[in-house]
Amino acid sequence: MNRQFLIVAAHPDDEILCCGATAARLVQEGWRGATLILGEGVTSRDAQRDVDARQSELTSLRADIEAANRALGIAQVFVHAFPDNRFDSVPLLELVKVIESVKQQIAPELIFTHSAHDLNIDHQRTHQAVLTATRPMAGETVRTIYAGEVLSATEWNYPQRFQPDTFFDVTATLALKQQAMAVYTSELRDFPHPRSLAGIDLVARTWGMKIGVPLAEAFMTVRRVY
């Protein structure tokens, strides 16, 4: 049976920015991948949350999620609809229950998620919910949890607290990450905004340079059980 990993992300496109190239590499190496996106996206751009007014965009965004993950070779995608940028208004237990449900279905060995130090409140709550949903008890399948970097959320929380200790050489798969991110036309920005194709390339080159490879993605180890 193939080894299974799960990406737990707060918003559509976070899964790509966090670990898209690494996910594509693992799939190529024989892993099965799944993505869980907890938040609906988009609705925080209005003064008041109005899901009905944004329904057309949300429907389009759901199609983008499927296409972007397909570009990486992700086999399964789970999407929830917690309110965008309002996870602090949701009981933590509700987030945890959704993660636990998906975890029980696919029994992942490895989880990628957000850093606890991201500027975005939804990212912080997602990190906390992942830790709660994967409490290290007997029978827990998750052996490793990595916190990734999401451009325009991780580096914007000053002082910088993202101190990676694990790096994946993604020289062969960064193009797939960029291809997947390009699907999210509503989320993509022009350089020098970090959430741009050029920004993704620049950060991968920077991490790669630091470890002696052309392109890399960086992660902080949250927990690893040998």
C-alpha atoms as a PDB file:
ATOM      1  CA  MET A   1       0.000   0.000   0.000  1.00  0.00           C
ATOM      2  CA  ASN A   2       1.234   3.487  -0.862  1.00  0.00           C
ATOM      3  CA  ARG A   3       2.206   5.818   1.943  1.00  0.00           C
ATOM      4  CA  GLN A   4      -0.318   8.610   2.502  1.00  0.00           C
ATOM      5  CA  PHE A   5       0.162  12.295   3.219  1.00  0.00           C
ATOM      6  CA  LEU A   6      -2.422  14.978   3.969  1.00  0.00           C
ATOM      7  CA  ILE A   7      -2.225  18.733   3.461  1.00  0.00           C
ATOM      8  CA  VAL A   8      -4.433  20.663   5.893  1.00  0.00           C
ATOM      9  CA  ALA A   9      -4.858  24.234   4.677  1.00  0.00           C
ATOM     10  CA  ALA A  10      -7.022  27.123   5.755  1.00  0.00           C
ATOM     11  CA  HIS A  11      -7.818  28.566   2.323  1.00  0.00           C
ATOM     12  CA  PRO A  12      -7.802  27.651  -1.361  1.00  0.00           C
ATOM     13  CA  ASP A  13      -4.246  28.213  -2.701  1.00  0.00           C
ATOM     14  CA  ASP A  14      -2.599  27.801   0.738  1.00  0.00           C
ATOM     15  CA  GLU A  15      -2.032  24.131  -0.029  1.00  0.00           C
ATOM     16  CA  ILE A  16      -0.072  25.045  -3.156  1.00  0.00           C
ATOM     17  CA  LEU A  17       1.946  27.834  -1.550  1.00  0.00           C
ATOM     18  CA  CYS A  18       2.740  25.757   1.546  1.00  0.00           C
ATOM     19  CA  CYS A  19       4.061  22.587  -0.054  1.00  0.00           C
ATOM     20  CA  GLY A  20       2.931  22.261  -3.660  1.00  0.00           C
ATOM     21  CA  ALA A  21       6.299  21.270  -5.096  1.00  0.00           C
ATOM     22  CA  THR A  22       7.041  18.865  -2.257  1.00  0.00           C
ATOM     23  CA  ALA A  23       3.608  17.262  -2.643  1.00  0.00           C
ATOM     24  CA  ALA A  24       4.236  16.778  -6.357  1.00  0.00           C
ATOM     25  CA  ARG A  25       7.623  15.216  -5.601  1.00  0.00           C
ATOM     26  CA  LEU A  26       6.158  12.808  -3.042  1.00  0.00           C
ATOM     27  CA  VAL A  27       3.429  11.757  -5.483  1.00  0.00           C
ATOM     28  CA  GLN A  28       6.096  11.045  -8.090  1.00  0.00           C
ATOM     29  CA  GLU A  29       7.920   8.953  -5.490  1.00  0.00           C
ATOM     30  CA  GLY A  30       4.839   6.790  -4.938  1.00  0.00           C
ATOM     31  CA  TRP A  31       2.993   8.480  -2.102  1.00  0.00           C
ATOM     32  CA  ARG A  32      -0.754   9.081  -2.214  1.00  0.00           C
ATOM     33  CA  GLY A  33      -1.746  12.651  -1.454  1.00  0.00           C
ATOM     34  CA  ALA A  34      -4.908  14.276  -0.113  1.00  0.00           C
ATOM     35  CA  THR A  35      -5.804  17.891   0.599  1.00  0.00           C
ATOM     36  CA  LEU A  36      -8.233  19.272   3.166  1.00  0.00           C
ATOM     37  CA  ILE A  37      -9.184  22.939   2.797  1.00  0.00           C
ATOM     38  CA  LEU A  38     -11.114  24.212   5.787  1.00  0.00           C
ATOM     39  CA  GLY A  39     -12.230  27.702   4.725  1.00  0.00           C
ATOM     40  CA  GLU A  40     -14.475  28.913   1.945  1.00  0.00           C
ATOM     41  CA  GLY A  41     -12.207  31.746   0.764  1.00  0.00           C
ATOM     42  CA  VAL A  42     -13.230  35.059  -0.816  1.00  0.00           C
ATOM     43  CA  THR A  43     -15.956  36.219   1.610  1.00  0.00           C
ATOM     44  CA  SER A  44     -13.625  38.225   3.866  1.00  0.00           C
ATOM     45  CA  ARG A  45     -13.186  40.744   1.044  1.00  0.00           C
ATOM     46  CA  ASP A  46     -16.600  42.238   1.806  1.00  0.00           C
ATOM     47  CA  ALA A  47     -17.506  44.478   4.727  1.00  0.00           C
ATOM     48  CA  GLN A  48     -20.049  41.847   5.783  1.00  0.00           C
ATOM     49  CA  ARG A  49     -19.874  38.144   4.994  1.00  0.00           C
ATOM     50  CA  ASP A  50     -22.423  37.346   2.296  1.00  0.00           C
ATOM     51  CA  VAL A  51     -22.042  33.831   0.938  1.00  0.00           C
ATOM     52  CA  ASP A  52     -24.964  34.201  -1.479  1.00  0.00           C
ATOM     53  CA  ALA A  53     -23.449  37.300  -3.099  1.00  0.00           C
ATOM     54  CA  ARG A  54     -20.182  35.427  -3.629  1.00  0.00           C
ATOM     55  CA  GLN A  55     -21.717  32.123  -4.714  1.00  0.00           C
ATOM     56  CA  SER A  56     -20.540  32.357  -8.315  1.00  0.00           C
ATOM     57  CA  GLU A  57     -16.950  33.015  -7.183  1.00  0.00           C
ATOM     58  CA  LEU A  58     -17.095  30.249  -4.602  1.00  0.00           C
ATOM     59  CA  THR A  59     -18.298  27.775  -7.234  1.00  0.00           C
ATOM     60  CA  SER A  60     -15.491  28.835  -9.551  1.00  0.00           C
ATOM     61  CA  LEU A  61     -13.006  28.579  -6.707  1.00  0.00           C
ATOM     62  CA  ARG A  62     -14.094  25.005  -6.001  1.00  0.00           C
ATOM     63  CA  ALA A  63     -13.299  24.119  -9.603  1.00  0.00           C
ATOM     64  CA  ASP A  64      -9.913  25.809  -9.216  1.00  0.00           C
ATOM     65  CA  ILE A  65      -9.186  23.715  -6.110  1.00  0.00           C
ATOM     66  CA  GLU A  66      -9.815  20.501  -8.013  1.00  0.00           C
ATOM     67  CA  ALA A  67      -7.741  21.590 -11.014  1.00  0.00           C
ATOM     68  CA  ALA A  68      -4.815  22.901  -8.966  1.00  0.00           C
ATOM     69  CA  ASN A  69      -4.552  19.750  -6.895  1.00  0.00           C
ATOM     70  CA  ARG A  70      -4.920  17.571  -9.962  1.00  0.00           C
ATOM     71  CA  ALA A  71      -1.886  19.345 -11.426  1.00  0.00           C
ATOM     72  CA  LEU A  72       0.156  18.090  -8.469  1.00  0.00           C
ATOM     73  CA  GLY A  73      -1.215  14.555  -8.686  1.00  0.00           C
ATOM     74  CA  ILE A  74      -3.277  14.857  -5.493  1.00  0.00           C
ATOM     75  CA  ALA A  75      -5.758  11.993  -5.446  1.00  0.00           C
ATOM     76  CA  GLN A  76      -8.388  13.313  -3.022  1.00  0.00           C
ATOM     77  CA  VAL A  77      -9.619  16.783  -2.115  1.00  0.00           C
ATOM     78  CA  PHE A  78     -11.866  17.585   0.845  1.00  0.00           C
ATOM     79  CA  VAL A  79     -13.365  21.077   1.106  1.00  0.00           C
ATOM     80  CA  HIS A  80     -15.194  22.607   4.047  1.00  0.00           C
ATOM     81  CA  ALA A  81     -16.797  26.054   4.320  1.00  0.00           C
ATOM     82  CA  PHE A  82     -15.689  27.708   7.533  1.00  0.00           C
ATOM     83  CA  PRO A  83     -15.942  31.525   7.249  1.00  0.00           C
ATOM     84  CA  ASP A  84     -12.980  33.144   5.549  1.00  0.00           C
ATOM     85  CA  ASN A  85     -10.573  34.934   7.914  1.00  0.00           C
ATOM     86  CA  ARG A  86     -13.007  34.353  10.750  1.00  0.00           C
ATOM     87  CA  PHE A  87     -11.799  31.034  12.190  1.00  0.00           C
ATOM     88  CA  ASP A  88     -11.484  32.764  15.548  1.00  0.00           C
ATOM     89  CA  SER A  89     -15.298  32.930  15.551  1.00  0.00           C
ATOM     90  CA  VAL A  90     -15.537  29.127  15.175  1.00  0.00           C
ATOM     91  CA  PRO A  91     -15.163  26.791  18.165  1.00  0.00           C
ATOM     92  CA  LEU A  92     -11.839  24.978  17.857  1.00  0.00           C
ATOM     93  CA  LEU A  93     -13.622  21.676  18.337  1.00  0.00           C
ATOM     94  CA  GLU A  94     -15.498  22.153  15.040  1.00  0.00           C
ATOM     95  CA  LEU A  95     -12.230  22.534  13.140  1.00  0.00           C
ATOM     96  CA  VAL A  96     -10.789  19.538  14.951  1.00  0.00           C
ATOM     97  CA  LYS A  97     -13.775  17.319  14.147  1.00  0.00           C
ATOM     98  CA  VAL A  98     -13.455  18.006  10.417  1.00  0.00           C
ATOM     99  CA  ILE A  99      -9.737  17.174  10.457  1.00  0.00           C
ATOM    100  CA  GLU A 100     -10.346  14.035  12.512  1.00  0.00           C
ATOM    101  CA  SER A 101     -13.026  12.867  10.079  1.00  0.00           C
ATOM    102  CA  VAL A 102     -10.712  13.168   7.077  1.00  0.00           C
ATOM    103  CA  LYS A 103      -7.812  11.660   9.009  1.00  0.00           C
ATOM    104  CA  GLN A 104      -9.909   8.628   9.887  1.00  0.00           C
ATOM    105  CA  GLN A 105     -10.842   8.128   6.243  1.00  0.00           C
ATOM    106  CA  ILE A 106      -7.323   8.162   4.806  1.00  0.00           C
ATOM    107  CA  ALA A 107      -4.986   7.356   7.760  1.00  0.00           C
ATOM    108  CA  PRO A 108      -2.130   9.682   6.758  1.00  0.00           C
ATOM    109  CA  GLU A 109       1.407   9.114   7.947  1.00  0.00           C
ATOM    110  CA  LEU A 110       2.503  12.678   7.203  1.00  0.00           C
ATOM    111  CA  ILE A 111       0.700  16.027   7.512  1.00  0.00           C
ATOM    112  CA  PHE A 112       1.685  19.392   6.064  1.00  0.00           C
ATOM    113  CA  THR A 113      -0.010  22.439   7.560  1.00  0.00           C
ATOM    114  CA  HIS A 114       0.476  26.079   8.522  1.00  0.00           C
ATOM    115  CA  SER A 115       2.996  27.630  10.857  1.00  0.00           C
ATOM    116  CA  ALA A 116       1.635  28.669  14.246  1.00  0.00           C
ATOM    117  CA  HIS A 117       3.319  32.042  13.724  1.00  0.00           C
ATOM    118  CA  ASP A 118       1.602  33.107  10.494  1.00  0.00           C
ATOM    119  CA  LEU A 119       0.002  36.539  10.437  1.00  0.00           C
ATOM    120  CA  ASN A 120      -3.323  35.122   9.273  1.00  0.00           C
ATOM    121  CA  ILE A 121      -5.620  34.076  12.137  1.00  0.00           C
ATOM    122  CA  ASP A 122      -7.098  31.195  10.121  1.00  0.00           C
ATOM    123  CA  HIS A 123      -3.606  29.756   9.660  1.00  0.00           C
ATOM    124  CA  GLN A 124      -2.943  29.948  13.394  1.00  0.00           C
ATOM    125  CA  ARG A 125      -6.210  28.218  14.223  1.00  0.00           C
ATOM    126  CA  THR A 126      -5.626  25.542  11.598  1.00  0.00           C
ATOM    127  CA  HIS A 127      -2.229  24.752  13.109  1.00  0.00           C
ATOM    128  CA  GLN A 128      -3.788  24.440  16.552  1.00  0.00           C
ATOM    129  CA  ALA A 129      -6.595  22.247  15.255  1.00  0.00           C
ATOM    130  CA  VAL A 130      -4.148  19.916  13.497  1.00  0.00           C
ATOM    131  CA  LEU A 131      -2.184  19.421  16.722  1.00  0.00           C
ATOM    132  CA  THR A 132      -5.393  18.713  18.614  1.00  0.00           C
ATOM    133  CA  ALA A 133      -6.653  16.289  15.970  1.00  0.00           C
ATOM    134  CA  THR A 134      -3.362  14.361  15.977  1.00  0.00           C
ATOM    135  CA  ARG A 135      -2.755  14.004  19.692  1.00  0.00           C
ATOM    136  CA  PRO A 136       0.015  11.399  20.091  1.00  0.00           C
ATOM    137  CA  MET A 137      -2.035   8.553  21.500  1.00  0.00           C
ATOM    138  CA  ALA A 138      -1.943   4.824  20.845  1.00  0.00           C
ATOM    139  CA  GLY A 139      -3.103   4.036  17.318  1.00  0.00           C
ATOM    140  CA  GLU A 140      -2.367   7.494  15.883  1.00  0.00           C
ATOM    141  CA  THR A 141      -1.268   7.077  12.259  1.00  0.00           C
ATOM    142  CA  VAL A 142       0.360  10.491  11.868  1.00  0.00           C
ATOM    143  CA  ARG A 143       4.075  10.154  12.503  1.00  0.00           C
ATOM    144  CA  THR A 144       5.303  13.471  11.112  1.00  0.00           C
ATOM    145  CA  ILE A 145       3.865  16.987  11.016  1.00  0.00           C
ATOM    146  CA  TYR A 146       5.567  19.742   9.027  1.00  0.00           C
ATOM    147  CA  ALA A 147       4.632  23.433   9.128  1.00  0.00           C
ATOM    148  CA  GLY A 148       5.201  25.155   5.814  1.00  0.00           C
ATOM    149  CA  GLU A 149       5.623  28.693   4.587  1.00  0.00           C
ATOM    150  CA  VAL A 150       2.706  30.484   2.933  1.00  0.00           C
ATOM    151  CA  LEU A 151       3.822  33.584   1.085  1.00  0.00           C
ATOM    152  CA  SER A 152       2.049  36.786   2.186  1.00  0.00           C
ATOM    153  CA  ALA A 153       1.205  35.241   5.566  1.00  0.00           C
ATOM    154  CA  THR A 154       4.352  33.707   7.028  1.00  0.00           C
ATOM    155  CA  GLU A 155       6.890  36.403   6.187  1.00  0.00           C
ATOM    156  CA  TRP A 156       4.504  39.269   7.021  1.00  0.00           C
ATOM    157  CA  ASN A 157       4.374  38.412  10.727  1.00  0.00           C
ATOM    158  CA  TYR A 158       7.231  40.441  12.161  1.00  0.00           C
ATOM    159  CA  PRO A 159       9.551  39.547  13.752  1.00  0.00           C
ATOM    160  CA  GLN A 160      10.164  36.598  11.474  1.00  0.00           C
ATOM    161  CA  ARG A 161       9.610  33.343  13.362  1.00  0.00           C
ATOM    162  CA  PHE A 162       9.757  30.830  10.537  1.00  0.00           C
ATOM    163  CA  GLN A 163      12.938  28.884  11.228  1.00  0.00           C
ATOM    164  CA  PRO A 164      12.932  25.785   9.013  1.00  0.00           C
ATOM    165  CA  ASP A 165      14.870  22.651   9.843  1.00  0.00           C
ATOM    166  CA  THR A 166      13.727  20.433   6.970  1.00  0.00           C
ATOM    167  CA  PHE A 167      14.203  21.061   3.260  1.00  0.00           C
ATOM    168  CA  PHE A 168      12.994  19.251   0.152  1.00  0.00           C
ATOM    169  CA  ASP A 169      14.862  19.565  -3.115  1.00  0.00           C
ATOM    170  CA  VAL A 170      12.075  20.499  -5.550  1.00  0.00           C
ATOM    171  CA  THR A 171      14.195  21.312  -8.566  1.00  0.00           C
ATOM    172  CA  ALA A 172      12.236  18.780 -10.616  1.00  0.00           C
ATOM    173  CA  THR A 173       8.752  19.798  -9.441  1.00  0.00           C
ATOM    174  CA  LEU A 174       8.644  23.559  -8.821  1.00  0.00           C
ATOM    175  CA  ALA A 175       7.183  24.042 -12.298  1.00  0.00           C
ATOM    176  CA  LEU A 176       4.207  21.894 -11.247  1.00  0.00           C
ATOM    177  CA  LYS A 177       3.701  24.110  -8.192  1.00  0.00           C
ATOM    178  CA  GLN A 178       3.695  27.186 -10.413  1.00  0.00           C
ATOM    179  CA  GLN A 179       1.321  25.489 -12.840  1.00  0.00           C
ATOM    180  CA  ALA A 180      -1.040  24.665  -9.978  1.00  0.00           C
ATOM    181  CA  MET A 181      -0.833  28.163  -8.515  1.00  0.00           C
ATOM    182  CA  ALA A 182      -1.555  29.701 -11.917  1.00  0.00           C
ATOM    183  CA  VAL A 183      -4.978  28.025 -11.764  1.00  0.00           C
ATOM    184  CA  TYR A 184      -5.909  30.302  -8.854  1.00  0.00           C
ATOM    185  CA  THR A 185      -6.321  33.434 -10.944  1.00  0.00           C
ATOM    186  CA  SER A 186      -8.367  35.159  -8.224  1.00  0.00           C
ATOM    187  CA  GLU A 187      -5.557  34.683  -5.668  1.00  0.00           C
ATOM    188  CA  LEU A 188      -2.478  35.264  -7.808  1.00  0.00           C
ATOM    189  CA  ARG A 189      -0.818  38.688  -7.752  1.00  0.00           C
ATOM    190  CA  ASP A 190       1.860  40.474  -9.780  1.00  0.00           C
ATOM    191  CA  PHE A 191       5.460  40.669  -8.592  1.00  0.00           C
ATOM    192  CA  PRO A 192       6.750  42.069  -6.244  1.00  0.00           C
ATOM    193  CA  HIS A 193       3.780  40.730  -4.305  1.00  0.00           C
ATOM    194  CA  PRO A 194       5.047  37.507  -2.713  1.00  0.00           C
ATOM    195  CA  ARG A 195       1.964  35.579  -3.869  1.00  0.00           C
ATOM    196  CA  SER A 196       3.132  35.672  -7.465  1.00  0.00           C
ATOM    197  CA  LEU A 197       4.767  33.136  -9.765  1.00  0.00           C
ATOM    198  CA  ALA A 198       7.979  35.154  -9.669  1.00  0.00           C
ATOM    199  CA  GLY A 199       7.769  35.313  -5.875  1.00  0.00           C
ATOM    200  CA  ILE A 200       7.381  31.542  -5.655  1.00  0.00           C
ATOM    201  CA  ASP A 201      10.427  31.077  -7.865  1.00  0.00           C
ATOM    202  CA  LEU A 202      12.504  33.583  -5.895  1.00  0.00           C
ATOM    203  CA  VAL A 203      11.775  31.977  -2.524  1.00  0.00           C
ATOM    204  CA  ALA A 204      12.511  28.485  -3.864  1.00  0.00           C
ATOM    205  CA  ARG A 205      15.831  29.726  -5.248  1.00  0.00           C
ATOM    206  CA  THR A 206      16.673  31.378  -1.934  1.00  0.00           C
ATOM    207  CA  TRP A 207      16.043  28.217   0.091  1.00  0.00           C
ATOM    208  CA  GLY A 208      17.803  26.150  -2.543  1.00  0.00           C
ATOM    209  CA  MET A 209      20.869  28.373  -2.389  1.00  0.00           C
ATOM    210  CA  LYS A 210      21.004  27.935   1.388  1.00  0.00           C
ATOM    211  CA  ILE A 211      21.152  24.137   1.144  1.00  0.00           C
ATOM    212  CA  GLY A 212      23.129  23.771  -2.071  1.00  0.00           C
ATOM    213  CA  VAL A 213      20.436  22.818  -4.594  1.00  0.00           C
ATOM    214  CA  PRO A 214      18.777  24.884  -7.330  1.00  0.00           C
ATOM    215  CA  LEU A 215      15.267  24.963  -5.799  1.00  0.00           C
ATOM    216  CA  ALA A 216      13.867  23.966  -2.408  1.00  0.00           C
ATOM    217  CA  GLU A 217      10.843  24.185  -0.112  1.00  0.00           C
ATOM    218  CA  ALA A 218      11.376  24.678   3.621  1.00  0.00           C
ATOM    219  CA  PHE A 219       9.491  23.375   6.662  1.00  0.00           C
ATOM    220  CA  MET A 220       9.568  23.464  10.427  1.00  0.00           C
ATOM    221  CA  THR A 221       9.236  20.097  12.121  1.00  0.00           C
ATOM    222  CA  VAL A 222       6.302  20.201  14.515  1.00  0.00           C
ATOM    223  CA  ARG A 223       6.514  16.555  15.552  1.00  0.00           C
ATOM    224  CA  ARG A 224       8.288  13.508  14.217  1.00  0.00           C
ATOM    225  CA  VAL A 225       8.032  10.017  15.686  1.00  0.00           C
ATOM    226  CA  TYR A 226      10.668   7.504  14.643  1.00  0.00           C
END
